[in-house]
N, C-alpha and C. Protein backbone atom coordinates (compact mmCIF):
# COMPACT_ATOMS: atom_id res chain seq x y z
N MET A 1 94.48 81.17 115.20
CA MET A 1 95.14 82.57 116.04
C MET A 1 97.20 82.39 115.48
N GLN A 2 97.28 81.18 115.65
CA GLN A 2 98.42 81.15 115.16
C GLN A 2 98.61 81.22 114.10
N THR A 3 97.83 80.99 113.27
CA THR A 3 97.71 81.87 111.73
C THR A 3 97.90 83.00 111.47
N LEU A 4 97.08 83.96 112.08
CA LEU A 4 96.97 85.04 111.83
C LEU A 4 98.68 85.73 112.25
N ASP A 5 99.29 84.90 113.45
CA ASP A 5 100.33 85.48 113.81
C ASP A 5 101.27 85.50 113.14
N ARG A 6 101.65 84.32 112.23
CA ARG A 6 102.31 84.32 111.39
C ARG A 6 102.11 85.02 110.28
N ILE A 7 101.08 85.27 109.63
CA ILE A 7 100.66 85.85 108.95
C ILE A 7 101.24 87.77 108.89
N ALA A 8 100.78 88.14 110.10
CA ALA A 8 100.91 89.68 110.54
C ALA A 8 102.79 89.40 110.81
N ARG A 9 103.20 88.91 111.16
CA ARG A 9 104.82 89.40 111.87
C ARG A 9 105.47 88.96 110.50
N ARG A 10 105.13 89.10 109.37
CA ARG A 10 105.49 89.17 108.06
C ARG A 10 106.15 90.50 108.45
N PRO A 11 106.86 91.21 107.74
CA PRO A 11 106.95 92.90 107.32
C PRO A 11 106.11 93.50 107.14
N ALA A 12 106.21 94.78 107.17
CA ALA A 12 104.66 95.75 107.29
C ALA A 12 104.05 95.30 105.42
N PRO A 13 104.97 95.75 104.89
CA PRO A 13 104.76 95.51 103.52
C PRO A 13 103.81 94.54 102.82
N ALA A 14 103.76 93.21 103.80
CA ALA A 14 103.61 91.43 103.22
C ALA A 14 101.66 92.38 104.08
N VAL A 15 101.45 93.07 105.45
CA VAL A 15 100.35 93.18 105.87
C VAL A 15 99.70 94.46 105.27
N ALA A 16 100.43 95.24 104.42
CA ALA A 16 99.34 95.96 103.94
C ALA A 16 99.26 95.88 102.36
N ILE A 17 99.63 94.66 101.78
CA ILE A 17 99.31 93.87 100.47
C ILE A 17 98.15 93.04 100.92
N LEU A 18 98.63 92.17 102.27
CA LEU A 18 97.51 91.29 102.56
C LEU A 18 96.04 92.24 102.92
N TYR A 19 96.51 93.49 103.21
CA TYR A 19 95.23 94.11 103.47
C TYR A 19 94.53 94.75 102.21
N LEU A 20 95.33 94.96 101.47
CA LEU A 20 94.80 95.66 100.06
C LEU A 20 93.93 94.40 99.36
N LEU A 21 94.12 93.09 99.49
CA LEU A 21 93.81 92.08 99.46
C LEU A 21 91.99 91.98 100.01
N LEU A 22 92.22 92.06 100.68
CA LEU A 22 90.97 91.77 101.69
C LEU A 22 89.78 92.77 101.56
N THR A 23 90.46 94.61 101.16
CA THR A 23 89.84 95.06 100.86
C THR A 23 88.83 95.35 99.55
N CYS A 24 89.87 94.72 99.20
CA CYS A 24 89.13 94.33 97.10
C CYS A 24 87.88 93.48 97.19
N TRP A 25 87.88 92.50 97.90
CA TRP A 25 87.27 91.28 98.11
C TRP A 25 86.14 91.85 98.77
N MET A 26 86.47 92.25 100.08
CA MET A 26 85.18 93.20 100.36
C MET A 26 84.34 94.15 99.83
N LEU A 27 85.34 94.85 98.88
CA LEU A 27 84.12 95.75 98.37
C LEU A 27 84.11 95.19 96.87
N TRP A 28 84.02 94.25 96.48
CA TRP A 28 83.77 93.94 95.50
C TRP A 28 82.42 93.52 95.40
N PRO A 29 81.85 94.23 93.84
CA PRO A 29 82.28 94.22 92.49
C PRO A 29 82.82 95.90 92.57
N LEU A 30 83.22 96.55 93.48
CA LEU A 30 83.56 98.03 92.57
C LEU A 30 84.83 98.13 92.58
N PRO A 31 85.90 97.33 93.36
CA PRO A 31 87.62 97.98 92.56
C PRO A 31 87.29 97.23 90.92
N ARG A 32 86.08 95.96 90.48
CA ARG A 32 86.33 95.68 89.26
C ARG A 32 85.85 96.91 87.97
N TYR A 33 84.89 97.56 88.45
CA TYR A 33 84.10 98.76 87.77
C TYR A 33 84.47 99.89 88.54
N ALA A 34 85.81 100.37 88.98
CA ALA A 34 85.98 101.63 89.45
C ALA A 34 86.26 102.72 88.64
N GLY A 35 86.30 102.51 87.05
CA GLY A 35 86.39 103.36 86.73
C GLY A 35 85.38 103.60 86.07
N SER A 36 83.99 103.05 86.41
CA SER A 36 82.65 103.46 85.81
C SER A 36 81.54 103.59 86.55
N ALA A 37 82.06 102.87 87.73
CA ALA A 37 80.80 102.72 88.73
C ALA A 37 81.02 103.35 90.17
N VAL A 38 79.69 103.62 91.11
CA VAL A 38 80.26 104.54 92.12
C VAL A 38 78.50 103.42 93.17
N GLN A 39 79.15 103.49 94.26
CA GLN A 39 78.42 102.43 94.74
C GLN A 39 76.76 103.11 95.56
N ASP A 40 76.71 104.34 94.73
CA ASP A 40 75.84 105.15 95.31
C ASP A 40 75.30 106.34 94.23
N PRO A 41 74.59 106.51 93.94
CA PRO A 41 74.10 107.54 93.05
C PRO A 41 73.91 109.19 93.46
N GLY A 42 73.73 108.96 94.06
CA GLY A 42 73.69 110.52 95.71
C GLY A 42 74.97 111.01 95.81
N ASP A 43 75.33 110.89 96.56
CA ASP A 43 76.55 111.74 97.20
C ASP A 43 77.70 111.47 96.88
N PRO A 44 77.96 110.40 96.29
CA PRO A 44 79.72 110.12 95.34
C PRO A 44 79.27 110.63 94.53
N LEU A 45 78.14 111.04 93.84
CA LEU A 45 78.55 112.45 92.36
C LEU A 45 78.86 114.04 93.05
N PHE A 46 78.04 113.64 94.15
CA PHE A 46 78.32 115.26 94.59
C PHE A 46 79.70 115.17 94.80
N GLU A 47 80.17 114.30 95.61
CA GLU A 47 81.72 114.62 96.12
C GLU A 47 82.90 114.39 95.02
N ILE A 48 81.86 113.71 94.16
CA ILE A 48 83.60 113.94 92.35
C ILE A 48 83.26 115.45 92.22
N TRP A 49 81.85 116.15 91.82
CA TRP A 49 81.85 117.43 91.75
C TRP A 49 82.79 118.35 92.38
N VAL A 50 82.64 118.31 94.11
CA VAL A 50 83.46 118.94 94.65
C VAL A 50 84.41 118.37 94.99
N MET A 51 85.34 117.56 94.28
CA MET A 51 86.62 117.68 94.15
C MET A 51 87.36 117.93 93.15
N ARG A 52 86.19 117.59 92.23
CA ARG A 52 86.70 118.62 90.44
C ARG A 52 87.04 120.02 90.59
N SER A 53 86.03 120.19 91.47
CA SER A 53 85.77 122.11 91.57
C SER A 53 87.28 122.58 92.54
N VAL A 54 87.54 122.02 93.04
CA VAL A 54 88.38 121.93 94.28
C VAL A 54 89.97 122.22 92.80
N GLN A 55 89.79 120.96 92.62
CA GLN A 55 91.66 120.56 91.75
C GLN A 55 91.04 121.49 90.47
N HIS A 56 89.76 122.33 90.39
CA HIS A 56 90.05 123.34 89.06
C HIS A 56 90.06 124.57 89.86
N ASN A 57 89.27 124.90 91.12
CA ASN A 57 90.57 126.22 91.46
C ASN A 57 91.40 126.03 91.85
N LEU A 58 91.98 125.32 92.84
CA LEU A 58 93.29 125.32 92.90
C LEU A 58 94.51 125.84 91.83
N ILE A 59 94.14 125.48 90.23
CA ILE A 59 94.93 125.79 89.20
C ILE A 59 94.61 127.14 89.05
N HIS A 60 92.88 127.52 88.36
CA HIS A 60 92.27 128.74 87.62
C HIS A 60 91.98 129.79 88.87
N GLN A 61 92.23 129.23 89.79
CA GLN A 61 91.55 130.47 91.21
C GLN A 61 91.58 130.12 92.02
N PRO A 62 92.88 129.93 92.82
CA PRO A 62 93.50 129.48 94.17
C PRO A 62 92.76 130.64 95.05
N LEU A 63 92.84 131.80 94.40
CA LEU A 63 91.63 132.51 95.45
C LEU A 63 90.66 132.79 96.13
N ARG A 64 90.23 131.76 95.15
CA ARG A 64 88.85 131.87 95.20
C ARG A 64 88.26 130.60 95.15
N LEU A 65 89.42 129.40 96.25
CA LEU A 65 88.73 128.26 96.18
C LEU A 65 87.69 127.20 96.20
N TYR A 66 86.33 128.16 97.55
CA TYR A 66 85.12 127.40 97.40
C TYR A 66 84.20 127.94 97.02
N ASP A 67 84.88 128.94 95.67
CA ASP A 67 83.84 128.68 94.88
C ASP A 67 83.33 127.60 93.49
N GLY A 68 82.01 127.44 93.73
CA GLY A 68 81.71 126.38 92.56
C GLY A 68 80.69 127.09 91.82
N ASN A 69 80.56 125.73 90.51
CA ASN A 69 79.32 126.57 89.33
C ASN A 69 78.12 126.15 89.88
N ALA A 70 77.91 125.79 90.97
CA ALA A 70 75.90 125.88 91.94
C ALA A 70 75.66 127.21 92.18
N PHE A 71 74.52 127.42 92.87
CA PHE A 71 73.97 127.83 93.41
C PHE A 71 74.46 130.09 93.35
N TYR A 72 74.06 129.87 91.34
CA TYR A 72 74.67 131.46 90.85
C TYR A 72 73.08 132.00 92.01
N PRO A 73 73.76 133.21 92.27
CA PRO A 73 74.75 133.81 92.43
C PRO A 73 75.48 133.98 93.42
N PHE A 74 75.08 133.26 94.33
CA PHE A 74 75.72 133.11 95.84
C PHE A 74 77.51 132.58 95.04
N GLU A 75 78.20 133.23 95.92
CA GLU A 75 79.33 132.99 95.84
C GLU A 75 80.16 131.77 96.84
N TYR A 76 80.94 131.28 96.96
CA TYR A 76 81.24 130.38 97.93
C TYR A 76 80.88 128.86 97.82
N SER A 77 79.94 128.43 96.98
CA SER A 77 78.95 127.25 97.01
C SER A 77 79.77 125.93 97.22
N LEU A 78 80.89 125.80 97.35
CA LEU A 78 81.63 124.46 97.96
C LEU A 78 81.74 124.37 99.92
N ALA A 79 81.78 126.19 100.10
CA ALA A 79 81.23 126.36 101.20
C ALA A 79 80.29 125.60 102.52
N TYR A 80 79.08 124.93 101.37
CA TYR A 80 77.79 124.55 102.02
C TYR A 80 77.60 123.51 101.95
N SER A 81 78.87 122.57 102.11
CA SER A 81 79.09 121.62 102.70
C SER A 81 80.41 120.91 103.28
N GLU A 82 80.53 119.80 103.02
CA GLU A 82 81.64 119.43 103.25
C GLU A 82 82.69 119.36 102.33
N GLU A 83 84.31 120.46 103.19
CA GLU A 83 85.42 120.90 102.81
C GLU A 83 86.00 119.87 102.02
N ALA A 84 86.77 119.07 100.92
CA ALA A 84 87.11 118.26 100.31
C ALA A 84 88.12 118.28 99.92
N ILE A 85 89.18 119.45 100.03
CA ILE A 85 90.49 119.63 99.73
C ILE A 85 91.36 118.97 99.83
N SER A 86 91.28 118.02 101.16
CA SER A 86 92.52 116.96 101.45
C SER A 86 92.44 115.38 100.57
N THR A 87 90.88 115.27 100.15
CA THR A 87 90.39 114.21 99.63
C THR A 87 90.76 114.66 98.33
N ALA A 88 90.47 115.66 97.54
CA ALA A 88 90.86 115.96 96.55
C ALA A 88 91.94 116.34 95.76
N LEU A 89 92.98 116.93 97.23
CA LEU A 89 94.67 116.96 96.66
C LEU A 89 94.80 114.76 96.77
N VAL A 90 94.81 113.78 97.36
CA VAL A 90 94.98 113.08 97.20
C VAL A 90 94.43 111.97 95.88
N ALA A 91 93.13 112.66 95.38
CA ALA A 91 92.40 112.18 94.23
C ALA A 91 93.35 112.61 93.57
N TRP A 92 93.69 113.83 92.55
CA TRP A 92 94.12 114.25 91.71
C TRP A 92 95.39 113.56 91.13
N PRO A 93 96.21 113.26 91.62
CA PRO A 93 96.94 112.33 90.72
C PRO A 93 96.72 111.03 89.84
N VAL A 94 95.97 110.47 90.66
CA VAL A 94 94.59 109.75 89.87
C VAL A 94 94.08 109.70 88.75
N TYR A 95 92.98 111.14 89.00
CA TYR A 95 92.61 111.66 87.68
C TYR A 95 93.69 112.11 86.87
N LEU A 96 94.75 113.17 87.19
CA LEU A 96 95.73 113.43 86.15
C LEU A 96 96.55 112.43 85.47
N ALA A 97 96.80 110.82 85.81
CA ALA A 97 96.79 109.56 84.99
C ALA A 97 96.28 109.45 83.85
N SER A 98 94.90 109.34 84.55
CA SER A 98 93.48 108.61 83.91
C SER A 98 92.87 108.96 83.01
N GLY A 99 92.57 110.69 83.96
CA GLY A 99 91.21 111.90 83.25
C GLY A 99 90.01 111.09 83.64
N ASN A 100 89.98 110.29 85.05
CA ASN A 100 88.62 109.62 85.02
C ASN A 100 88.07 110.17 86.29
N ASP A 101 86.94 111.18 86.55
CA ASP A 101 86.65 111.16 87.43
C ASP A 101 86.69 110.46 88.47
N ILE A 102 85.67 109.00 87.74
CA ILE A 102 84.88 108.57 88.82
C ILE A 102 86.51 107.57 89.21
N LEU A 103 86.96 106.86 88.70
CA LEU A 103 88.27 106.30 88.95
C LEU A 103 88.94 106.66 90.18
N ALA A 104 89.32 108.31 89.63
CA ALA A 104 90.14 108.81 90.71
C ALA A 104 89.61 108.84 92.05
N TYR A 105 87.53 108.84 92.35
CA TYR A 105 86.82 108.59 93.58
C TYR A 105 86.99 107.19 93.85
N ASN A 106 86.73 106.37 93.00
CA ASN A 106 87.12 105.19 93.86
C ASN A 106 88.11 104.87 94.65
N ALA A 107 89.54 105.44 93.92
CA ALA A 107 90.76 104.63 94.25
C ALA A 107 90.84 105.36 96.01
N VAL A 108 90.41 106.61 95.95
CA VAL A 108 90.13 107.32 97.12
C VAL A 108 89.34 106.62 98.47
N PHE A 109 88.10 106.61 98.29
CA PHE A 109 87.38 105.30 98.55
C PHE A 109 87.49 103.98 98.90
N ILE A 110 88.44 103.24 98.31
CA ILE A 110 89.19 101.89 98.30
C ILE A 110 90.13 102.12 99.32
N ALA A 111 90.98 102.68 99.35
CA ALA A 111 92.27 103.16 99.88
C ALA A 111 92.07 103.63 101.18
N THR A 112 90.30 103.92 101.37
CA THR A 112 89.87 104.61 102.99
C THR A 112 90.02 103.22 103.73
N PHE A 113 89.28 102.60 103.25
CA PHE A 113 89.93 101.15 103.88
C PHE A 113 90.67 100.48 104.01
N TRP A 114 91.44 100.44 102.98
CA TRP A 114 92.93 99.76 102.93
C TRP A 114 93.25 100.66 104.19
N LEU A 115 93.57 102.08 104.40
CA LEU A 115 94.14 102.78 105.20
C LEU A 115 93.86 102.49 106.85
N MET A 116 92.52 102.82 106.47
CA MET A 116 91.97 102.03 107.73
C MET A 116 92.80 101.00 108.75
N ALA A 117 92.62 100.14 107.84
CA ALA A 117 93.41 98.78 108.37
C ALA A 117 94.62 98.71 108.65
N PHE A 118 95.82 99.55 108.21
CA PHE A 118 96.81 99.22 107.62
C PHE A 118 97.27 100.38 109.28
N ALA A 119 96.39 101.46 109.16
CA ALA A 119 97.13 102.21 110.07
C ALA A 119 96.84 102.17 111.73
N VAL A 120 95.30 101.19 111.95
CA VAL A 120 95.27 100.69 112.92
C VAL A 120 96.17 99.06 113.24
N PHE A 121 97.10 98.44 112.22
CA PHE A 121 97.85 97.83 112.46
C PHE A 121 99.23 97.89 113.03
N LEU A 122 99.17 99.45 112.26
CA LEU A 122 100.59 100.26 112.98
C LEU A 122 100.34 100.56 114.35
N LEU A 123 99.20 101.27 114.77
CA LEU A 123 98.67 101.52 115.88
C LEU A 123 98.89 100.80 117.13
N ALA A 124 98.50 99.40 116.58
CA ALA A 124 98.04 98.36 117.68
C ALA A 124 99.10 97.70 118.13
N ARG A 125 100.72 97.42 116.85
CA ARG A 125 101.70 96.76 117.39
C ARG A 125 102.04 98.34 117.93
N GLU A 126 101.97 99.28 117.84
CA GLU A 126 103.13 100.17 118.44
C GLU A 126 102.90 100.15 119.79
N LEU A 127 101.57 100.08 120.37
CA LEU A 127 100.88 99.90 121.73
C LEU A 127 101.02 98.54 122.35
N GLY A 128 101.92 97.61 121.30
CA GLY A 128 102.39 96.48 122.25
C GLY A 128 101.05 95.39 122.22
N ALA A 129 100.41 95.38 120.56
CA ALA A 129 100.06 94.29 121.23
C ALA A 129 99.92 93.13 119.97
N SER A 130 99.96 91.47 120.35
CA SER A 130 100.56 91.05 119.20
C SER A 130 100.45 91.00 117.86
N PRO A 131 101.14 90.60 116.82
CA PRO A 131 100.64 90.77 115.41
C PRO A 131 99.47 90.32 115.12
N GLY A 132 98.70 88.95 115.78
CA GLY A 132 97.74 88.77 114.88
C GLY A 132 96.75 89.41 115.92
N ALA A 133 96.58 89.64 117.09
CA ALA A 133 95.84 90.88 117.40
C ALA A 133 95.82 92.11 116.59
N ALA A 134 96.86 92.74 116.15
CA ALA A 134 97.31 93.80 115.66
C ALA A 134 96.26 93.86 114.27
N PHE A 135 96.32 92.68 113.41
CA PHE A 135 95.84 91.77 112.34
C PHE A 135 94.44 92.01 112.43
N ILE A 136 94.09 91.68 113.64
CA ILE A 136 92.45 91.44 113.75
C ILE A 136 91.81 93.22 114.51
N ALA A 137 92.73 93.65 115.08
CA ALA A 137 92.24 95.19 115.29
C ALA A 137 92.14 95.81 114.25
N GLY A 138 92.79 95.84 112.85
CA GLY A 138 92.85 96.28 111.38
C GLY A 138 91.70 96.05 110.92
N VAL A 139 91.31 95.32 110.86
CA VAL A 139 89.77 94.36 109.98
C VAL A 139 89.25 95.02 110.68
N ALA A 140 88.96 94.39 111.96
CA ALA A 140 87.52 95.17 112.87
C ALA A 140 87.08 96.54 112.49
N ALA A 141 88.93 96.98 112.53
CA ALA A 141 88.28 99.15 112.00
C ALA A 141 87.92 99.35 110.87
N ALA A 142 88.69 98.64 110.08
CA ALA A 142 88.52 99.00 108.65
C ALA A 142 86.54 98.49 107.93
N PHE A 143 86.52 97.13 108.42
CA PHE A 143 85.50 96.94 107.83
C PHE A 143 84.18 97.02 109.15
N ALA A 144 84.25 97.70 110.25
CA ALA A 144 83.65 98.03 111.04
C ALA A 144 81.50 98.56 110.42
N PRO A 145 80.39 98.15 110.70
CA PRO A 145 79.34 98.35 110.61
C PRO A 145 79.20 99.99 110.11
N ALA A 146 79.90 99.80 111.41
CA ALA A 146 79.56 101.70 111.35
C ALA A 146 80.18 102.71 109.88
N ARG A 147 81.62 101.95 109.24
CA ARG A 147 81.69 102.54 108.20
C ARG A 147 81.03 102.01 106.98
N TYR A 148 80.27 100.92 106.98
CA TYR A 148 79.68 100.67 106.16
C TYR A 148 78.36 101.26 105.88
N SER A 149 77.59 101.58 106.81
CA SER A 149 76.94 102.74 107.15
C SER A 149 77.09 103.96 106.41
N HIS A 150 78.13 104.40 106.15
CA HIS A 150 78.46 105.69 105.74
C HIS A 150 79.17 105.65 104.31
N LEU A 151 78.93 104.24 103.30
CA LEU A 151 79.16 104.36 102.59
C LEU A 151 79.65 105.36 101.19
N SER A 152 78.49 106.23 101.32
CA SER A 152 77.93 107.24 100.73
C SER A 152 78.61 108.82 101.10
N HIS A 153 79.64 108.57 102.24
CA HIS A 153 80.51 109.57 102.66
C HIS A 153 81.40 110.14 102.77
N LEU A 154 82.07 109.70 101.69
CA LEU A 154 83.70 109.95 102.07
C LEU A 154 84.60 110.31 102.79
N HIS A 155 83.61 111.51 103.11
CA HIS A 155 84.77 112.21 104.40
C HIS A 155 84.41 112.00 105.54
N LEU A 156 83.70 111.03 105.38
CA LEU A 156 83.74 110.50 106.90
C LEU A 156 84.62 109.41 106.96
N LEU A 157 84.50 108.26 105.91
CA LEU A 157 85.83 107.39 105.74
C LEU A 157 87.10 108.04 105.65
N ALA A 158 87.18 108.96 105.68
CA ALA A 158 88.67 109.66 105.48
C ALA A 158 88.92 109.50 106.42
N LEU A 159 88.67 109.29 107.16
CA LEU A 159 88.87 109.49 109.13
C LEU A 159 89.83 108.35 109.47
N CYS A 160 90.27 107.58 108.13
CA CYS A 160 91.25 106.85 108.22
C CYS A 160 92.87 107.77 109.14
N TRP A 161 92.81 109.00 108.59
CA TRP A 161 94.08 109.54 108.65
C TRP A 161 93.90 109.26 110.23
N LEU A 162 93.18 109.67 111.21
CA LEU A 162 92.80 109.51 112.72
C LEU A 162 94.04 108.31 113.09
N PRO A 163 93.83 107.27 113.19
CA PRO A 163 94.95 106.31 113.72
C PRO A 163 95.89 106.42 113.03
N LEU A 164 96.81 106.92 111.97
CA LEU A 164 97.50 107.47 111.59
C LEU A 164 98.78 108.29 112.29
N ALA A 165 97.36 109.16 113.11
CA ALA A 165 98.24 110.46 113.36
C ALA A 165 98.47 109.79 115.09
N PHE A 166 97.40 109.24 115.67
CA PHE A 166 97.79 108.37 116.97
C PHE A 166 99.18 107.32 116.72
N TRP A 167 99.32 106.71 115.71
CA TRP A 167 100.60 105.65 115.69
C TRP A 167 101.55 106.47 115.71
N ALA A 168 101.50 107.81 114.76
CA ALA A 168 102.71 108.47 115.26
C ALA A 168 103.47 109.29 116.11
N LEU A 169 102.44 109.46 117.11
CA LEU A 169 102.27 110.35 118.69
C LEU A 169 102.53 108.91 119.12
N ALA A 170 102.02 107.90 119.30
CA ALA A 170 102.79 107.00 120.54
C ALA A 170 103.82 106.64 119.58
N ALA A 171 104.26 106.27 118.54
CA ALA A 171 105.86 106.41 117.94
C ALA A 171 106.43 107.27 118.73
N TYR A 172 106.55 108.38 118.44
CA TYR A 172 107.49 109.38 119.22
C TYR A 172 107.19 108.96 120.63
N LEU A 173 105.89 109.12 121.30
CA LEU A 173 106.36 109.55 122.59
C LEU A 173 106.82 108.15 123.08
N THR A 174 107.17 106.46 122.68
CA THR A 174 107.32 105.66 123.11
C THR A 174 108.90 104.94 122.98
N ARG A 175 109.08 105.94 121.72
CA ARG A 175 110.50 105.57 121.05
C ARG A 175 111.94 105.86 122.27
N SER A 176 112.69 105.97 122.13
CA SER A 176 113.86 106.41 122.88
C SER A 176 114.51 107.47 121.67
N SER A 177 115.15 108.55 122.10
CA SER A 177 115.32 109.32 121.34
C SER A 177 116.20 109.07 120.10
N SER A 178 117.41 107.74 120.10
CA SER A 178 117.63 107.19 119.15
C SER A 178 117.07 106.25 117.65
N THR A 179 115.50 106.26 118.27
CA THR A 179 114.96 105.03 117.31
C THR A 179 114.13 106.32 116.51
N ARG A 180 113.77 107.82 117.07
CA ARG A 180 112.79 109.04 116.85
C ARG A 180 113.73 109.23 115.62
N PRO A 181 113.14 109.38 114.25
CA PRO A 181 112.88 110.51 113.54
C PRO A 181 113.77 111.67 113.72
N SER A 182 114.69 111.79 113.01
CA SER A 182 115.29 113.26 113.06
C SER A 182 114.59 114.65 113.11
N GLY A 183 115.13 115.34 113.49
CA GLY A 183 113.88 116.40 113.68
C GLY A 183 112.95 116.24 114.69
N SER A 184 112.13 117.21 113.85
CA SER A 184 110.67 117.21 115.32
C SER A 184 109.55 115.99 115.36
N SER A 185 108.21 116.02 116.24
CA SER A 185 107.68 114.68 116.36
C SER A 185 106.73 114.81 114.42
N PRO A 186 106.56 113.91 114.06
CA PRO A 186 105.71 113.61 112.93
C PRO A 186 104.86 113.71 113.56
N ALA A 187 103.89 113.99 114.69
CA ALA A 187 102.44 114.12 115.05
C ALA A 187 101.90 115.60 114.71
N PRO A 188 102.10 116.61 114.76
CA PRO A 188 101.88 117.54 114.08
C PRO A 188 101.65 117.33 112.75
N LEU A 189 102.08 117.21 111.80
CA LEU A 189 101.83 117.29 110.37
C LEU A 189 100.81 115.63 110.45
N SER A 190 101.02 114.75 111.32
CA SER A 190 99.79 113.88 111.21
C SER A 190 98.17 114.42 111.50
N PHE A 191 98.22 115.27 112.47
CA PHE A 191 97.15 116.06 113.40
C PHE A 191 96.36 116.85 112.07
N ARG A 192 97.37 117.59 111.84
CA ARG A 192 96.70 118.67 110.84
C ARG A 192 96.52 117.63 109.49
N ALA A 193 96.58 116.85 108.71
CA ALA A 193 96.20 115.95 108.04
C ALA A 193 94.74 115.17 108.28
N ALA A 194 95.02 114.76 109.77
CA ALA A 194 93.90 113.96 109.74
C ALA A 194 92.60 115.12 110.22
N ALA A 195 92.88 116.17 110.55
CA ALA A 195 91.92 117.33 110.68
C ALA A 195 91.11 118.12 109.85
N ARG A 196 92.25 117.83 108.60
CA ARG A 196 92.29 118.84 107.38
C ARG A 196 90.09 117.65 106.76
N ASN A 197 90.16 116.51 107.31
CA ASN A 197 89.28 115.26 105.81
C ASN A 197 87.75 115.71 107.61
């Protein structure tokens, strides 16, 4: 436990890097083939189509955001399944930089594990957990069996925003007004982001 405490006492960027390395190790070999493979030939390919449809519609027909090129003649076919607006927006910069739909999907997929671990670490530290306990909490939350049973459901894995929203709320409520960020609470924006997934 002392080794974990020593590792977790490092600044947040060091813990974030450690979680990223752990995420790549836990999801191996997917990070190696992130541009050419998905972990399941079913739902991930559908979710890639939904994300690309949302991205396309935001540029070419923003007033018809939920229209997809499936289930003709019915309109708003993207509304027949989980909406992926937030994940499409997060994946978009990767797609624009690479032109690779699969890489963009896998970048978000891998990031959900990393962000879950790091957000739970921040939340646990904010609530008073020791660095080692916070580190273990992040690992336990990110790599829980329940998350592995939903590897094909990016919309469920993307709930990693929820502990981040709770961390923002806890930080706002527990810190004195002199250490809070200026302006209003960051929690409403974080809760809005969490609710979109």
